[in-house]
């Protein structure tokens, strides 16, 4: 894996980097779970528990009638799974090997490969988990139809992309302010339980409530995803461009910060994670 071979061409160099990212992603999937199937099962269980908890809450509070016309589980998944994908991507980037990690002692390895591998491993687990959940629901319970599957999947990728972007910025500043990053991550995750908009239909909110949440890229992504999932829902207060722009800006800031921070790498950083 880490046998260094001098690239013979740009194509060979690209292939070598892609191979390193692949092995890093596989290692990251297996880092928390020795068995890849158990990693999928654990992630699916998390999603199922979330869906079951919010389903019971909607039933107890009598809010099920406020859903969109269509499959109620798809309504729940379009919010919960995008939220989980965003948070899992953020956590994966924060958990990636930094410049002071022992893995960086291997010559071909660098932090960009570690970050890319962690991001792809999070995306792989989320996509596989969602595919299996939808397959079981479609075959075992009731057939369903998604109005625009490509657009809905694009929103899943955008939720992952923005999670990576936020995680990259936090990763860059964590060595300088470890306590702040830890607190911010917790607050960000808890705030997005509400601010992501997964619990309500945005078109039904009054204007003053929309203004409270429209700063959040995930708020736009989830609402736009429901527009792709349900043919009778047309988002009026959100757009796709905003989360893309915010994601790109945060990626650039995060990469610049990571490059600057890398120059001051210290072996004591690993103890502060």
C-alpha atoms as a PDB file:
ATOM      1  CA  UNK A   1       0.000   0.000   0.000  1.00  0.00           C
ATOM      2  CA  UNK A   2       2.736   2.462   0.965  1.00  0.00           C
ATOM      3  CA  UNK A   3       5.474   1.197  -1.348  1.00  0.00           C
ATOM      4  CA  UNK A   4       6.698   4.369  -3.017  1.00  0.00           C
ATOM      5  CA  UNK A   5       7.007   4.257  -6.795  1.00  0.00           C
ATOM      6  CA  UNK A   6       8.098   7.302  -8.758  1.00  0.00           C
ATOM      7  CA  UNK A   7       5.274   8.241 -11.186  1.00  0.00           C
ATOM      8  CA  UNK A   8       6.134   7.802 -14.842  1.00  0.00           C
ATOM      9  CA  UNK A   9       3.418  10.158 -16.102  1.00  0.00           C
ATOM     10  CA  UNK A  10       0.555  12.355 -14.909  1.00  0.00           C
ATOM     11  CA  UNK A  11      -1.880   9.517 -15.557  1.00  0.00           C
ATOM     12  CA  UNK A  12       0.235   7.126 -13.514  1.00  0.00           C
ATOM     13  CA  UNK A  13       0.452   9.696 -10.725  1.00  0.00           C
ATOM     14  CA  UNK A  14      -3.332  10.141 -10.728  1.00  0.00           C
ATOM     15  CA  UNK A  15      -3.834   6.365 -10.636  1.00  0.00           C
ATOM     16  CA  UNK A  16      -1.423   6.056  -7.696  1.00  0.00           C
ATOM     17  CA  UNK A  17      -3.273   8.764  -5.752  1.00  0.00           C
ATOM     18  CA  UNK A  18      -6.631   7.134  -6.522  1.00  0.00           C
ATOM     19  CA  UNK A  19      -5.309   3.788  -5.259  1.00  0.00           C
ATOM     20  CA  UNK A  20      -4.067   5.385  -2.037  1.00  0.00           C
ATOM     21  CA  UNK A  21      -7.434   7.089  -1.492  1.00  0.00           C
ATOM     22  CA  UNK A  22      -9.210   3.765  -2.076  1.00  0.00           C
ATOM     23  CA  UNK A  23      -7.051   1.944   0.483  1.00  0.00           C
ATOM     24  CA  UNK A  24      -7.451   4.826   2.933  1.00  0.00           C
ATOM     25  CA  UNK A  25     -11.245   4.682   2.531  1.00  0.00           C
ATOM     26  CA  UNK A  26     -11.280   0.905   3.104  1.00  0.00           C
ATOM     27  CA  UNK A  27      -9.123   1.318   6.190  1.00  0.00           C
ATOM     28  CA  UNK A  28     -11.428   4.035   7.494  1.00  0.00           C
ATOM     29  CA  UNK A  29     -14.518   1.844   7.032  1.00  0.00           C
ATOM     30  CA  UNK A  30     -12.859  -0.982   8.932  1.00  0.00           C
ATOM     31  CA  UNK A  31     -11.296   1.266  11.577  1.00  0.00           C
ATOM     32  CA  UNK A  32     -14.433   1.452  13.684  1.00  0.00           C
ATOM     33  CA  UNK A  33     -15.718  -2.012  12.774  1.00  0.00           C
ATOM     34  CA  UNK A  34     -13.642  -5.068  11.962  1.00  0.00           C
ATOM     35  CA  UNK A  35     -16.409  -6.284   9.680  1.00  0.00           C
ATOM     36  CA  UNK A  36     -17.661  -4.043   6.841  1.00  0.00           C
ATOM     37  CA  UNK A  37     -21.112  -5.654   7.007  1.00  0.00           C
ATOM     38  CA  UNK A  38     -21.396  -4.745  10.671  1.00  0.00           C
ATOM     39  CA  UNK A  39     -20.492  -1.143   9.828  1.00  0.00           C
ATOM     40  CA  UNK A  40     -23.443  -1.057   7.404  1.00  0.00           C
ATOM     41  CA  UNK A  41     -25.752  -2.759   9.882  1.00  0.00           C
ATOM     42  CA  UNK A  42     -24.793  -0.326  12.641  1.00  0.00           C
ATOM     43  CA  UNK A  43     -25.404   2.679  10.397  1.00  0.00           C
ATOM     44  CA  UNK A  44     -28.744   1.267   9.217  1.00  0.00           C
ATOM     45  CA  UNK A  45     -29.765   0.702  12.836  1.00  0.00           C
ATOM     46  CA  UNK A  46     -29.008   4.358  13.622  1.00  0.00           C
ATOM     47  CA  UNK A  47     -31.193   5.520  10.729  1.00  0.00           C
ATOM     48  CA  UNK A  48     -34.023   3.131  11.649  1.00  0.00           C
ATOM     49  CA  UNK A  49     -33.981   4.299  15.287  1.00  0.00           C
ATOM     50  CA  UNK A  50     -34.123   7.931  14.163  1.00  0.00           C
ATOM     51  CA  UNK A  51     -37.039   7.244  11.821  1.00  0.00           C
ATOM     52  CA  UNK A  52     -38.918   5.215  14.445  1.00  0.00           C
ATOM     53  CA  UNK A  53     -38.413   7.863  17.127  1.00  0.00           C
ATOM     54  CA  UNK A  54     -39.636  10.725  14.938  1.00  0.00           C
ATOM     55  CA  UNK A  55     -42.501   8.624  13.592  1.00  0.00           C
ATOM     56  CA  UNK A  56     -43.731   7.993  17.146  1.00  0.00           C
ATOM     57  CA  UNK A  57     -43.294  11.670  17.977  1.00  0.00           C
ATOM     58  CA  UNK A  58     -45.374  12.684  14.949  1.00  0.00           C
ATOM     59  CA  UNK A  59     -48.046  10.168  15.900  1.00  0.00           C
ATOM     60  CA  UNK A  60     -48.206  11.232  19.562  1.00  0.00           C
ATOM     61  CA  UNK A  61     -48.294  14.943  18.720  1.00  0.00           C
ATOM     62  CA  UNK A  62     -50.814  14.412  15.936  1.00  0.00           C
ATOM     63  CA  UNK A  63     -48.527  15.983  13.321  1.00  0.00           C
ATOM     64  CA  UNK A  64     -48.704  13.179  10.793  1.00  0.00           C
ATOM     65  CA  UNK A  65     -51.506  14.950   8.939  1.00  0.00           C
ATOM     66  CA  UNK A  66     -49.164  17.880   8.289  1.00  0.00           C
ATOM     67  CA  UNK A  67     -46.906  15.815   6.046  1.00  0.00           C
ATOM     68  CA  UNK A  68     -46.680  16.117   2.285  1.00  0.00           C
ATOM     69  CA  UNK A  69     -49.124  14.173   0.171  1.00  0.00           C
ATOM     70  CA  UNK A  70     -47.219  10.984  -0.466  1.00  0.00           C
ATOM     71  CA  UNK A  71     -45.369   8.246   1.375  1.00  0.00           C
ATOM     72  CA  UNK A  72     -44.782   9.267   4.984  1.00  0.00           C
ATOM     73  CA  UNK A  73     -41.578   7.221   5.321  1.00  0.00           C
ATOM     74  CA  UNK A  74     -40.074   8.962   2.290  1.00  0.00           C
ATOM     75  CA  UNK A  75     -40.952  12.268   3.934  1.00  0.00           C
ATOM     76  CA  UNK A  76     -39.122  11.183   7.080  1.00  0.00           C
ATOM     77  CA  UNK A  77     -36.115   9.727   5.253  1.00  0.00           C
ATOM     78  CA  UNK A  78     -35.715  12.791   3.031  1.00  0.00           C
ATOM     79  CA  UNK A  79     -34.994  14.775   6.178  1.00  0.00           C
ATOM     80  CA  UNK A  80     -33.400  12.323   8.574  1.00  0.00           C
ATOM     81  CA  UNK A  81     -31.040  10.616   6.153  1.00  0.00           C
ATOM     82  CA  UNK A  82     -29.717  13.861   4.686  1.00  0.00           C
ATOM     83  CA  UNK A  83     -29.138  15.112   8.225  1.00  0.00           C
ATOM     84  CA  UNK A  84     -27.280  11.907   9.127  1.00  0.00           C
ATOM     85  CA  UNK A  85     -25.212  12.061   5.932  1.00  0.00           C
ATOM     86  CA  UNK A  86     -24.204  15.655   6.661  1.00  0.00           C
ATOM     87  CA  UNK A  87     -23.250  14.940  10.280  1.00  0.00           C
ATOM     88  CA  UNK A  88     -21.472  11.666   9.473  1.00  0.00           C
ATOM     89  CA  UNK A  89     -19.377  13.427   6.806  1.00  0.00           C
ATOM     90  CA  UNK A  90     -18.438  16.172   9.259  1.00  0.00           C
ATOM     91  CA  UNK A  91     -17.469  13.611  11.920  1.00  0.00           C
ATOM     92  CA  UNK A  92     -15.488  11.549   9.394  1.00  0.00           C
ATOM     93  CA  UNK A  93     -13.362  14.545   8.399  1.00  0.00           C
ATOM     94  CA  UNK A  94     -12.707  15.457  12.028  1.00  0.00           C
ATOM     95  CA  UNK A  95     -11.685  11.849  12.622  1.00  0.00           C
ATOM     96  CA  UNK A  96      -9.279  11.748   9.667  1.00  0.00           C
ATOM     97  CA  UNK A  97      -5.547  11.336  10.273  1.00  0.00           C
ATOM     98  CA  UNK A  98      -3.859  14.709  10.678  1.00  0.00           C
ATOM     99  CA  UNK A  99      -0.297  15.790   9.853  1.00  0.00           C
ATOM    100  CA  UNK A 100       0.999  14.489  13.209  1.00  0.00           C
ATOM    101  CA  UNK A 101      -0.543  11.038  12.808  1.00  0.00           C
ATOM    102  CA  UNK A 102       1.837   8.050  12.591  1.00  0.00           C
ATOM    103  CA  UNK A 103       0.262   7.243   9.212  1.00  0.00           C
ATOM    104  CA  UNK A 104       1.911  10.362   7.785  1.00  0.00           C
ATOM    105  CA  UNK A 105       5.329   8.787   8.318  1.00  0.00           C
ATOM    106  CA  UNK A 106       4.747   6.667   5.217  1.00  0.00           C
ATOM    107  CA  UNK A 107       6.136   8.597   2.261  1.00  0.00           C
ATOM    108  CA  UNK A 108       3.207   8.461  -0.223  1.00  0.00           C
ATOM    109  CA  UNK A 109       0.650   9.261   2.476  1.00  0.00           C
ATOM    110  CA  UNK A 110      -0.499  12.833   3.137  1.00  0.00           C
ATOM    111  CA  UNK A 111      -3.397  14.588   4.823  1.00  0.00           C
ATOM    112  CA  UNK A 112      -5.325  15.200   1.591  1.00  0.00           C
ATOM    113  CA  UNK A 113      -5.423  11.455   0.892  1.00  0.00           C
ATOM    114  CA  UNK A 114      -6.525  10.815   4.484  1.00  0.00           C
ATOM    115  CA  UNK A 115      -9.292  13.438   4.231  1.00  0.00           C
ATOM    116  CA  UNK A 116     -10.483  12.130   0.857  1.00  0.00           C
ATOM    117  CA  UNK A 117     -10.493   8.542   2.136  1.00  0.00           C
ATOM    118  CA  UNK A 118     -12.500   9.460   5.242  1.00  0.00           C
ATOM    119  CA  UNK A 119     -15.000  11.465   3.192  1.00  0.00           C
ATOM    120  CA  UNK A 120     -15.523   8.660   0.667  1.00  0.00           C
ATOM    121  CA  UNK A 121     -15.885   6.019   3.379  1.00  0.00           C
ATOM    122  CA  UNK A 122     -18.648   8.073   5.027  1.00  0.00           C
ATOM    123  CA  UNK A 123     -20.413   8.513   1.682  1.00  0.00           C
ATOM    124  CA  UNK A 124     -20.107   4.803   0.868  1.00  0.00           C
ATOM    125  CA  UNK A 125     -21.662   3.717   4.171  1.00  0.00           C
ATOM    126  CA  UNK A 126     -24.511   6.225   3.875  1.00  0.00           C
ATOM    127  CA  UNK A 127     -25.360   5.350   0.261  1.00  0.00           C
ATOM    128  CA  UNK A 128     -25.269   1.615   0.934  1.00  0.00           C
ATOM    129  CA  UNK A 129     -27.391   2.003   4.067  1.00  0.00           C
ATOM    130  CA  UNK A 130     -30.006   4.124   2.271  1.00  0.00           C
ATOM    131  CA  UNK A 131     -30.113   1.699  -0.657  1.00  0.00           C
ATOM    132  CA  UNK A 132     -30.700  -1.281   1.629  1.00  0.00           C
ATOM    133  CA  UNK A 133     -33.359   0.522   3.688  1.00  0.00           C
ATOM    134  CA  UNK A 134     -35.285   1.618   0.590  1.00  0.00           C
ATOM    135  CA  UNK A 135     -34.954  -1.840  -0.962  1.00  0.00           C
ATOM    136  CA  UNK A 136     -36.324  -3.573   2.148  1.00  0.00           C
ATOM    137  CA  UNK A 137     -39.163  -1.045   2.421  1.00  0.00           C
ATOM    138  CA  UNK A 138     -40.073  -1.322  -1.271  1.00  0.00           C
ATOM    139  CA  UNK A 139     -39.972  -5.127  -1.387  1.00  0.00           C
ATOM    140  CA  UNK A 140     -41.116  -6.020   2.113  1.00  0.00           C
ATOM    141  CA  UNK A 141     -43.709  -3.350   2.913  1.00  0.00           C
ATOM    142  CA  UNK A 142     -45.070  -1.164   0.119  1.00  0.00           C
ATOM    143  CA  UNK A 143     -43.892  -0.078  -3.341  1.00  0.00           C
ATOM    144  CA  UNK A 144     -43.084   3.613  -3.663  1.00  0.00           C
ATOM    145  CA  UNK A 145     -42.098   6.035  -6.380  1.00  0.00           C
ATOM    146  CA  UNK A 146     -39.625   8.925  -6.297  1.00  0.00           C
ATOM    147  CA  UNK A 147     -40.471  11.713  -8.728  1.00  0.00           C
ATOM    148  CA  UNK A 148     -36.841  12.555  -9.612  1.00  0.00           C
ATOM    149  CA  UNK A 149     -34.371   9.976  -8.233  1.00  0.00           C
ATOM    150  CA  UNK A 150     -31.356  11.657  -9.836  1.00  0.00           C
ATOM    151  CA  UNK A 151     -32.166  15.027  -8.283  1.00  0.00           C
ATOM    152  CA  UNK A 152     -32.876  13.452  -4.893  1.00  0.00           C
ATOM    153  CA  UNK A 153     -29.556  11.596  -4.980  1.00  0.00           C
ATOM    154  CA  UNK A 154     -27.852  14.841  -5.981  1.00  0.00           C
ATOM    155  CA  UNK A 155     -29.189  16.426  -2.788  1.00  0.00           C
ATOM    156  CA  UNK A 156     -27.757  13.512  -0.795  1.00  0.00           C
ATOM    157  CA  UNK A 157     -24.371  14.206  -2.380  1.00  0.00           C
ATOM    158  CA  UNK A 158     -24.749  17.910  -1.633  1.00  0.00           C
ATOM    159  CA  UNK A 159     -25.525  17.168   2.034  1.00  0.00           C
ATOM    160  CA  UNK A 160     -22.360  15.054   2.146  1.00  0.00           C
ATOM    161  CA  UNK A 161     -20.331  17.744   0.356  1.00  0.00           C
ATOM    162  CA  UNK A 162     -21.355  20.510   2.754  1.00  0.00           C
ATOM    163  CA  UNK A 163     -20.668  18.208   5.718  1.00  0.00           C
ATOM    164  CA  UNK A 164     -17.161  17.623   4.356  1.00  0.00           C
ATOM    165  CA  UNK A 165     -16.713  21.382   3.902  1.00  0.00           C
ATOM    166  CA  UNK A 166     -17.720  22.216   7.485  1.00  0.00           C
ATOM    167  CA  UNK A 167     -15.600  19.354   8.822  1.00  0.00           C
ATOM    168  CA  UNK A 168     -12.566  20.539   6.860  1.00  0.00           C
ATOM    169  CA  UNK A 169     -12.757  24.030   8.386  1.00  0.00           C
ATOM    170  CA  UNK A 170     -13.088  22.571  11.885  1.00  0.00           C
ATOM    171  CA  UNK A 171     -10.212  20.183  11.237  1.00  0.00           C
ATOM    172  CA  UNK A 172      -7.978  23.111  10.241  1.00  0.00           C
ATOM    173  CA  UNK A 173      -8.645  25.085  13.429  1.00  0.00           C
ATOM    174  CA  UNK A 174      -8.855  22.168  15.890  1.00  0.00           C
ATOM    175  CA  UNK A 175      -5.108  22.108  16.755  1.00  0.00           C
ATOM    176  CA  UNK A 176      -5.334  25.763  17.753  1.00  0.00           C
ATOM    177  CA  UNK A 177      -8.688  25.649  19.574  1.00  0.00           C
ATOM    178  CA  UNK A 178      -9.488  21.995  20.435  1.00  0.00           C
ATOM    179  CA  UNK A 179     -12.027  22.808  23.156  1.00  0.00           C
ATOM    180  CA  UNK A 180     -13.901  25.260  20.934  1.00  0.00           C
ATOM    181  CA  UNK A 181     -14.101  22.760  18.057  1.00  0.00           C
ATOM    182  CA  UNK A 182     -15.426  20.023  20.343  1.00  0.00           C
ATOM    183  CA  UNK A 183     -18.120  22.322  21.751  1.00  0.00           C
ATOM    184  CA  UNK A 184     -18.998  23.748  18.336  1.00  0.00           C
ATOM    185  CA  UNK A 185     -19.396  20.275  16.840  1.00  0.00           C
ATOM    186  CA  UNK A 186     -21.816  19.258  19.602  1.00  0.00           C
ATOM    187  CA  UNK A 187     -23.814  22.492  19.351  1.00  0.00           C
ATOM    188  CA  UNK A 188     -23.887  22.265  15.540  1.00  0.00           C
ATOM    189  CA  UNK A 189     -25.223  18.715  15.622  1.00  0.00           C
ATOM    190  CA  UNK A 190     -27.881  19.553  18.202  1.00  0.00           C
ATOM    191  CA  UNK A 191     -28.918  22.783  16.480  1.00  0.00           C
ATOM    192  CA  UNK A 192     -29.374  21.002  13.171  1.00  0.00           C
ATOM    193  CA  UNK A 193     -31.921  18.686  14.765  1.00  0.00           C
ATOM    194  CA  UNK A 194     -34.256  21.669  14.357  1.00  0.00           C
ATOM    195  CA  UNK A 195     -32.467  24.125  12.054  1.00  0.00           C
ATOM    196  CA  UNK A 196     -32.080  21.563   9.245  1.00  0.00           C
ATOM    197  CA  UNK A 197     -35.841  21.651   8.649  1.00  0.00           C
ATOM    198  CA  UNK A 198     -36.243  17.896   8.635  1.00  0.00           C
ATOM    199  CA  UNK A 199     -39.213  18.047  11.032  1.00  0.00           C
ATOM    200  CA  UNK A 200     -41.433  20.396   9.043  1.00  0.00           C
ATOM    201  CA  UNK A 201     -42.475  21.411   5.543  1.00  0.00           C
ATOM    202  CA  UNK A 202     -40.784  24.706   4.701  1.00  0.00           C
ATOM    203  CA  UNK A 203     -43.583  25.969   2.436  1.00  0.00           C
ATOM    204  CA  UNK A 204     -45.991  25.893   5.390  1.00  0.00           C
ATOM    205  CA  UNK A 205     -43.788  28.049   7.646  1.00  0.00           C
ATOM    206  CA  UNK A 206     -44.431  31.757   8.186  1.00  0.00           C
ATOM    207  CA  UNK A 207     -41.809  34.105   6.736  1.00  0.00           C
ATOM    208  CA  UNK A 208     -40.258  35.013  10.097  1.00  0.00           C
ATOM    209  CA  UNK A 209     -39.553  31.321  10.813  1.00  0.00           C
ATOM    210  CA  UNK A 210     -37.997  30.770   7.392  1.00  0.00           C
ATOM    211  CA  UNK A 211     -35.625  33.686   8.070  1.00  0.00           C
ATOM    212  CA  UNK A 212     -34.453  31.910  11.245  1.00  0.00           C
ATOM    213  CA  UNK A 213     -33.214  28.874   9.334  1.00  0.00           C
ATOM    214  CA  UNK A 214     -32.349  29.976   5.788  1.00  0.00           C
ATOM    215  CA  UNK A 215     -28.697  30.604   6.781  1.00  0.00           C
ATOM    216  CA  UNK A 216     -28.283  26.844   7.054  1.00  0.00           C
ATOM    217  CA  UNK A 217     -27.243  25.064   3.809  1.00  0.00           C
ATOM    218  CA  UNK A 218     -28.775  21.808   5.088  1.00  0.00           C
ATOM    219  CA  UNK A 219     -32.129  23.591   5.450  1.00  0.00           C
ATOM    220  CA  UNK A 220     -32.066  24.363   1.714  1.00  0.00           C
ATOM    221  CA  UNK A 221     -30.831  20.890   0.767  1.00  0.00           C
ATOM    222  CA  UNK A 222     -33.545  18.978   2.640  1.00  0.00           C
ATOM    223  CA  UNK A 223     -36.321  21.202   1.300  1.00  0.00           C
ATOM    224  CA  UNK A 224     -35.022  20.883  -2.262  1.00  0.00           C
ATOM    225  CA  UNK A 225     -34.697  17.111  -1.840  1.00  0.00           C
ATOM    226  CA  UNK A 226     -38.382  16.888  -0.938  1.00  0.00           C
ATOM    227  CA  UNK A 227     -39.126  18.774  -4.123  1.00  0.00           C
ATOM    228  CA  UNK A 228     -37.354  16.023  -6.058  1.00  0.00           C
ATOM    229  CA  UNK A 229     -38.871  13.164  -4.033  1.00  0.00           C
ATOM    230  CA  UNK A 230     -42.491  14.363  -4.235  1.00  0.00           C
ATOM    231  CA  UNK A 231     -43.924  15.450  -7.563  1.00  0.00           C
ATOM    232  CA  UNK A 232     -46.571  17.634  -5.893  1.00  0.00           C
ATOM    233  CA  UNK A 233     -44.156  19.693  -3.773  1.00  0.00           C
ATOM    234  CA  UNK A 234     -42.429  22.799  -5.167  1.00  0.00           C
ATOM    235  CA  UNK A 235     -39.977  24.568  -2.794  1.00  0.00           C
ATOM    236  CA  UNK A 236     -40.579  28.329  -2.720  1.00  0.00           C
ATOM    237  CA  UNK A 237     -38.140  29.593  -0.101  1.00  0.00           C
ATOM    238  CA  UNK A 238     -34.991  27.589  -0.799  1.00  0.00           C
ATOM    239  CA  UNK A 239     -32.598  26.960  -3.684  1.00  0.00           C
ATOM    240  CA  UNK A 240     -29.753  24.648  -4.691  1.00  0.00           C
ATOM    241  CA  UNK A 241     -27.221  27.362  -5.492  1.00  0.00           C
ATOM    242  CA  UNK A 242     -26.813  28.607  -1.917  1.00  0.00           C
ATOM    243  CA  UNK A 243     -25.499  25.345  -0.368  1.00  0.00           C
ATOM    244  CA  UNK A 244     -23.218  24.791  -3.379  1.00  0.00           C
ATOM    245  CA  UNK A 245     -21.678  28.257  -3.000  1.00  0.00           C
ATOM    246  CA  UNK A 246     -21.308  27.914   0.771  1.00  0.00           C
ATOM    247  CA  UNK A 247     -19.789  24.438   0.372  1.00  0.00           C
ATOM    248  CA  UNK A 248     -17.206  25.604  -2.173  1.00  0.00           C
ATOM    249  CA  UNK A 249     -16.244  28.615  -0.038  1.00  0.00           C
ATOM    250  CA  UNK A 250     -15.815  26.464   3.066  1.00  0.00           C
ATOM    251  CA  UNK A 251     -13.781  23.878   1.130  1.00  0.00           C
ATOM    252  CA  UNK A 252     -11.373  26.585  -0.072  1.00  0.00           C
ATOM    253  CA  UNK A 253     -11.096  28.102   3.420  1.00  0.00           C
ATOM    254  CA  UNK A 254     -10.631  24.658   4.956  1.00  0.00           C
ATOM    255  CA  UNK A 255      -7.884  23.638   2.521  1.00  0.00           C
ATOM    256  CA  UNK A 256      -6.059  26.928   3.042  1.00  0.00           C
ATOM    257  CA  UNK A 257      -6.343  26.544   6.811  1.00  0.00           C
ATOM    258  CA  UNK A 258      -5.228  22.896   6.709  1.00  0.00           C
ATOM    259  CA  UNK A 259      -2.188  23.803   4.596  1.00  0.00           C
ATOM    260  CA  UNK A 260      -1.235  26.573   7.024  1.00  0.00           C
ATOM    261  CA  UNK A 261      -1.816  24.428  10.109  1.00  0.00           C
ATOM    262  CA  UNK A 262       0.172  21.544   8.631  1.00  0.00           C
ATOM    263  CA  UNK A 263       3.328  23.676   8.740  1.00  0.00           C
ATOM    264  CA  UNK A 264       3.147  23.763  12.535  1.00  0.00           C
ATOM    265  CA  UNK A 265       2.423  20.062  13.055  1.00  0.00           C
ATOM    266  CA  UNK A 266       3.324  18.740  16.484  1.00  0.00           C
ATOM    267  CA  UNK A 267       3.234  15.215  17.872  1.00  0.00           C
ATOM    268  CA  UNK A 268       1.308  16.518  20.892  1.00  0.00           C
ATOM    269  CA  UNK A 269      -1.704  17.300  18.674  1.00  0.00           C
ATOM    270  CA  UNK A 270      -2.834  13.684  18.596  1.00  0.00           C
ATOM    271  CA  UNK A 271      -3.285  13.745  22.386  1.00  0.00           C
ATOM    272  CA  UNK A 272      -5.607  16.761  22.088  1.00  0.00           C
ATOM    273  CA  UNK A 273      -8.060  15.208  19.617  1.00  0.00           C
END
